[in-house]
Amino acid sequence: MGDRLKVYCETSFWSYLTGRPSTDRKAAYWQSLTRLWWEDAAPRCAVFISQHVLNEAADGNPELARRRIEACRDMEMVDGTTPKVDALARHLLAAHAVPESEVTDAYHIATASVHNMDVLLTWNCRHMANRFALPKTISVVNAAGYTCPAIVTPEDFLKEELE
């Protein structure tokens, strides 16, 4: 693996990568950035998922679920069900770093943190890649003895690469 960035791709990434072309301008833009990241950046990264990603990817429209699962098929898996991941996810929820209604989001962050990912890639700007929520998330992860990965969108990742 060497010096390749370890990137945990959360479910929203796979949804934008494999979704039907959107007529909504913002969604279409996010889809194009996701494809650009996948084509240009992913080959230089070590890309990981967990069973949490597969579980969420399997939900919803059967055809779109099949596409998401197929796209994830060859990704390296990390264990999102360890006692350490569970404890960190519970801390994130108890500290209100992640809303109690978004348990799986807490598990994505915990899984990426416990497995020493460099980046958690997501389009979830409400609970994850949110500059107002991130300080609390980082604080909880660090207090638990882990290093919080950079939680960014594909757009933010690509901008950082250009700078």
Protein backbone atom coordinates (compact mmCIF):
# COMPACT_ATOMS: atom_id res chain seq x y z
CA MET A 1 0.00 0.00 0.00
CA GLY A 2 2.96 2.31 0.63
CA ASP A 3 2.15 5.98 0.79
CA ARG A 4 -1.28 5.68 -0.84
CA LEU A 5 -4.04 7.46 1.04
CA LYS A 6 -6.43 5.13 2.82
CA VAL A 7 -9.92 6.30 1.84
CA TYR A 8 -13.15 4.98 3.36
CA CYS A 9 -15.97 5.64 0.89
CA GLU A 10 -19.27 6.01 2.71
CA THR A 11 -22.55 4.99 1.04
CA SER A 12 -23.52 8.39 -0.39
CA PHE A 13 -20.37 8.26 -2.55
CA TRP A 14 -21.54 5.02 -4.16
CA SER A 15 -25.04 6.40 -4.67
CA TYR A 16 -23.74 9.37 -6.66
CA LEU A 17 -21.26 7.21 -8.57
CA THR A 18 -23.86 4.70 -9.73
CA GLY A 19 -27.10 6.70 -9.80
CA ARG A 20 -29.10 7.48 -12.90
CA PRO A 21 -28.08 10.82 -14.44
CA SER A 22 -29.93 13.48 -12.48
CA THR A 23 -31.87 16.38 -13.94
CA ASP A 24 -31.27 18.32 -10.70
CA ARG A 25 -28.30 20.62 -11.33
CA LYS A 26 -26.69 20.15 -7.93
CA ALA A 27 -27.09 16.37 -7.98
CA ALA A 28 -25.77 16.19 -11.56
CA TYR A 29 -22.76 18.27 -10.51
CA TRP A 30 -22.10 15.98 -7.54
CA GLN A 31 -22.43 12.95 -9.83
CA SER A 32 -19.85 14.41 -12.23
CA LEU A 33 -17.43 15.20 -9.38
CA THR A 34 -17.90 11.69 -7.99
CA ARG A 35 -17.08 10.14 -11.37
CA LEU A 36 -14.07 12.46 -11.71
CA TRP A 37 -12.80 11.42 -8.26
CA TRP A 38 -13.35 7.75 -9.12
CA GLU A 39 -11.51 8.01 -12.44
CA ASP A 40 -8.67 10.33 -11.41
CA ALA A 41 -8.06 10.01 -7.67
CA ALA A 42 -9.24 6.52 -6.71
CA PRO A 43 -6.50 4.69 -8.66
CA ARG A 44 -3.93 6.48 -6.47
CA CYS A 45 -5.73 5.59 -3.24
CA ALA A 46 -6.46 2.46 -1.24
CA VAL A 47 -10.29 2.44 -1.15
CA PHE A 48 -12.16 0.75 1.70
CA ILE A 49 -15.74 0.04 2.70
CA SER A 50 -17.45 -1.82 5.53
CA GLN A 51 -20.52 -3.98 5.90
CA HIS A 52 -22.36 -0.80 6.93
CA VAL A 53 -21.82 0.53 3.40
CA LEU A 54 -23.07 -2.71 1.85
CA ASN A 55 -26.13 -2.78 4.11
CA GLU A 56 -27.11 0.77 3.17
CA ALA A 57 -26.25 0.20 -0.50
CA ALA A 58 -28.68 -2.73 -0.62
CA ASP A 59 -31.62 -0.54 0.44
CA GLY A 60 -34.04 1.18 -1.89
CA ASN A 61 -34.72 0.71 -5.57
CA PRO A 62 -33.57 -2.82 -6.49
CA GLU A 63 -31.87 -1.78 -9.75
CA LEU A 64 -29.98 1.10 -8.12
CA ALA A 65 -29.11 -1.12 -5.15
CA ARG A 66 -27.68 -3.72 -7.56
CA ARG A 67 -25.53 -1.00 -9.19
CA ARG A 68 -24.22 0.22 -5.83
CA ILE A 69 -23.40 -3.30 -4.64
CA GLU A 70 -21.71 -4.10 -7.94
CA ALA A 71 -19.55 -0.96 -7.73
CA CYS A 72 -18.47 -1.91 -4.19
CA ARG A 73 -17.80 -5.55 -5.05
CA ASP A 74 -14.02 -5.42 -5.29
CA MET A 75 -13.36 -2.91 -2.52
CA GLU A 76 -11.29 -3.87 0.47
CA MET A 77 -13.43 -4.43 3.56
CA VAL A 78 -12.73 -3.21 7.08
CA ASP A 79 -14.61 -4.55 10.08
CA GLY A 80 -17.21 -2.06 11.27
CA THR A 81 -18.50 -4.34 14.02
CA THR A 82 -15.56 -4.54 16.41
CA PRO A 83 -15.99 -3.59 20.08
CA LYS A 84 -13.73 -0.56 19.48
CA VAL A 85 -15.88 0.65 16.57
CA ASP A 86 -19.04 0.06 18.58
CA ALA A 87 -17.70 2.00 21.58
CA LEU A 88 -16.59 4.96 19.45
CA ALA A 89 -19.91 5.06 17.58
CA ARG A 90 -21.73 5.11 20.93
CA HIS A 91 -19.49 7.97 22.11
CA LEU A 92 -20.25 9.96 18.96
CA LEU A 93 -23.98 9.50 19.52
CA ALA A 94 -23.88 10.16 23.28
CA ALA A 95 -21.89 13.39 22.75
CA HIS A 96 -24.36 14.49 20.04
CA ALA A 97 -21.53 14.75 17.53
CA VAL A 98 -23.87 12.69 15.33
CA PRO A 99 -27.65 12.85 15.82
CA GLU A 100 -29.13 9.84 17.61
CA SER A 101 -31.30 9.19 14.54
CA GLU A 102 -28.19 8.68 12.37
CA VAL A 103 -26.62 5.61 13.95
CA THR A 104 -25.05 4.34 10.74
CA ASP A 105 -23.32 7.70 10.19
CA ALA A 106 -21.71 7.31 13.62
CA TYR A 107 -20.57 3.82 12.61
CA HIS A 108 -19.04 5.10 9.36
CA ILE A 109 -17.03 7.71 11.28
CA ALA A 110 -16.05 5.22 13.98
CA THR A 111 -15.05 2.56 11.45
CA ALA A 112 -12.89 4.98 9.47
CA SER A 113 -11.29 6.31 12.67
CA VAL A 114 -10.58 2.95 14.32
CA HIS A 115 -9.08 1.60 11.07
CA ASN A 116 -6.79 4.62 10.68
CA MET A 117 -8.24 5.89 7.43
CA ASP A 118 -6.72 9.11 6.11
CA VAL A 119 -10.00 10.20 4.52
CA LEU A 120 -13.70 9.48 4.93
CA LEU A 121 -15.25 10.41 1.57
CA THR A 122 -18.92 11.36 1.71
CA TRP A 123 -21.63 13.53 0.22
CA ASN A 124 -23.36 13.62 3.60
CA CYS A 125 -22.93 17.31 4.36
CA ARG A 126 -25.58 17.32 7.06
CA HIS A 127 -23.92 15.03 9.61
CA MET A 128 -20.44 14.25 8.35
CA ALA A 129 -18.71 16.68 5.96
CA ASN A 130 -20.16 19.67 7.78
CA ARG A 131 -17.77 22.36 9.00
CA PHE A 132 -20.01 23.12 11.98
CA ALA A 133 -20.32 19.47 13.08
CA LEU A 134 -16.70 18.48 12.42
CA PRO A 135 -15.06 20.11 15.46
CA LYS A 136 -17.26 18.10 17.83
CA THR A 137 -16.71 14.91 15.82
CA ILE A 138 -12.94 15.42 15.83
CA SER A 139 -12.95 16.17 19.55
CA VAL A 140 -14.89 12.99 20.42
CA VAL A 141 -12.72 10.81 18.16
CA ASN A 142 -9.49 12.29 19.54
CA ALA A 143 -10.69 12.00 23.16
CA ALA A 144 -11.27 8.28 22.51
CA GLY A 145 -7.63 7.90 21.47
CA TYR A 146 -8.04 7.83 17.69
CA THR A 147 -7.22 10.25 14.92
CA CYS A 148 -10.26 11.44 13.01
CA PRO A 149 -9.82 11.09 9.25
CA ALA A 150 -10.35 14.10 7.03
CA ILE A 151 -14.11 13.96 6.42
CA VAL A 152 -14.59 15.51 3.01
CA THR A 153 -16.66 15.46 -0.15
CA PRO A 154 -15.12 14.37 -3.45
CA GLU A 155 -15.21 18.05 -4.43
CA ASP A 156 -13.15 19.07 -1.38
CA PHE A 157 -10.73 16.20 -1.97
CA LEU A 158 -10.16 17.24 -5.57
CA LYS A 159 -9.68 20.91 -4.60
CA GLU A 160 -7.04 19.92 -2.03
CA GLU A 161 -5.19 17.90 -4.64
CA LEU A 162 -5.02 20.91 -6.95
CA GLU A 163 -3.59 23.23 -4.30
